[in-house]
Protein backbone atom coordinates (compact mmCIF):
# COMPACT_ATOMS: atom_id res chain seq x y z
CA MET A 1 0.07 -0.15 -0.04
CA TYR A 2 1.43 3.27 -0.92
CA ILE A 3 0.42 6.37 1.07
CA ASN A 4 0.86 9.72 -0.25
CA ARG A 5 1.81 11.87 2.75
CA GLU A 6 1.25 15.19 1.06
CA ARG A 7 -2.26 14.58 0.18
CA ASN A 8 -2.51 11.81 3.01
CA HIS A 9 -4.30 9.26 1.03
CA LEU A 10 -4.08 5.76 -0.27
CA LYS A 11 -2.91 5.25 -3.61
CA GLY A 12 -3.70 1.94 -5.65
CA VAL A 13 -1.21 0.10 -7.74
CA ASN A 14 -1.82 1.90 -10.85
CA GLY A 15 -1.43 5.27 -8.98
CA MET A 16 -5.12 6.38 -9.04
CA SER A 17 -6.48 7.71 -5.83
CA VAL A 18 -8.89 4.99 -4.47
CA ASP A 19 -11.73 7.78 -4.80
CA GLU A 20 -11.03 7.74 -8.41
CA LYS A 21 -11.47 4.10 -9.18
CA THR A 22 -14.96 2.69 -9.89
CA GLU A 23 -14.13 -1.01 -9.19
CA SER A 24 -12.82 -2.76 -5.93
CA PRO A 25 -9.17 -1.18 -5.28
CA MET A 26 -5.98 -3.50 -5.33
CA TYR A 27 -3.31 -2.43 -2.66
CA VAL A 28 0.01 -3.28 -2.54
CA TYR A 29 2.00 -3.95 0.87
CA GLU A 30 5.73 -3.89 0.99
CA SER A 31 7.74 -4.81 3.68
CA THR A 32 11.33 -4.68 4.44
CA VAL A 33 11.30 -7.59 7.09
CA HIS A 34 8.77 -9.98 5.37
CA CYS A 35 11.36 -12.29 4.11
CA THR A 36 13.44 -12.47 7.20
CA ASN A 37 10.66 -13.03 9.35
CA ILE A 38 9.37 -15.82 7.24
CA LEU A 39 12.80 -17.65 7.02
CA GLN A 40 12.59 -17.12 11.09
CA CYS A 41 9.59 -18.65 11.38
CA LEU A 42 10.41 -21.49 8.99
CA ASN A 43 13.52 -22.11 11.27
CA ASP A 44 11.70 -21.97 14.63
CA GLN A 45 9.32 -24.80 13.05
CA TRP A 46 12.12 -26.78 11.87
CA LYS A 47 14.02 -26.47 15.52
CA GLN A 48 10.59 -27.98 16.79
CA ASP A 49 9.80 -30.66 14.45
CA ILE A 50 6.40 -28.65 13.41
CA LEU A 51 5.41 -29.40 9.79
CA CYS A 52 8.41 -31.10 8.77
CA ASP A 53 7.21 -33.38 6.13
CA VAL A 54 10.48 -35.48 4.97
CA THR A 55 13.13 -37.35 6.68
CA LEU A 56 16.86 -36.96 5.27
CA ILE A 57 19.13 -39.87 6.10
CA VAL A 58 22.91 -39.04 5.60
CA GLU A 59 25.51 -41.46 6.83
CA GLY A 60 22.85 -43.21 8.94
CA LYS A 61 21.91 -40.28 10.64
CA GLU A 62 18.01 -38.86 10.30
CA PHE A 63 17.64 -35.27 9.68
CA ARG A 64 13.80 -33.68 9.73
CA ALA A 65 13.05 -31.16 7.02
CA HIS A 66 10.52 -29.06 5.05
CA ARG A 67 10.12 -30.35 1.54
CA ALA A 68 9.17 -26.80 0.25
CA VAL A 69 12.53 -25.58 1.99
CA LEU A 70 14.78 -28.06 0.47
CA ALA A 71 13.03 -28.07 -3.00
CA ALA A 72 13.16 -23.85 -3.09
CA CYS A 73 17.01 -24.09 -1.66
CA SER A 74 18.18 -27.03 -4.22
CA GLU A 75 17.88 -28.61 -7.74
CA TYR A 76 18.50 -31.74 -6.72
CA PHE A 77 15.90 -31.80 -3.93
CA LEU A 78 13.26 -30.14 -6.28
CA GLN A 79 14.10 -33.26 -8.65
CA VAL A 80 13.47 -35.76 -5.97
CA LEU A 81 10.88 -34.28 -4.31
CA VAL A 82 8.50 -33.24 -7.12
CA GLY A 83 5.13 -35.16 -7.42
CA GLN A 84 6.06 -37.26 -3.76
CA THR A 85 3.05 -36.82 -1.93
CA GLU A 86 3.41 -39.45 0.31
CA HIS A 87 3.12 -39.02 4.01
CA GLY A 88 6.11 -39.59 5.99
CA LEU A 89 8.75 -39.47 3.09
CA VAL A 90 12.18 -40.77 3.54
CA VAL A 91 14.69 -39.72 1.34
CA SER A 92 18.35 -41.53 1.89
CA LEU A 93 21.15 -39.61 0.43
CA PRO A 94 24.05 -41.36 -1.18
CA ASP A 95 27.38 -40.41 0.68
CA GLU A 96 29.06 -39.47 -2.38
CA ILE A 97 26.35 -36.21 -2.61
CA VAL A 98 26.62 -34.74 1.03
CA ASN A 99 28.12 -35.50 4.30
CA ARG A 100 26.68 -35.66 7.72
CA ASP A 101 28.56 -32.43 8.73
CA ALA A 102 27.58 -30.55 5.94
CA VAL A 103 23.79 -31.19 6.69
CA CYS A 104 24.14 -30.62 10.39
CA SER A 105 25.61 -26.87 9.79
């Protein structure tokens, strides 16, 4: 949402003031902390095993994770996880792909 401080009224996406529009106005809200807040929330959920929907097995050790985060951060996981809908999915990673120390960090 854009606020014109000189006139103190809201601006719609196309720059017209709300009262100039005949149809329902569309607003845009911009936040400088939104991305940080989402990542912090996902990290907190992961630490508490909340909504973790996949288990990774690396060198025999299990790690819980969020599929969406893995797929968003890695082409490898995107390819492995796309289309997988089963509950309690377990993915065993070959030792040559990653080691446990890298996953733990």
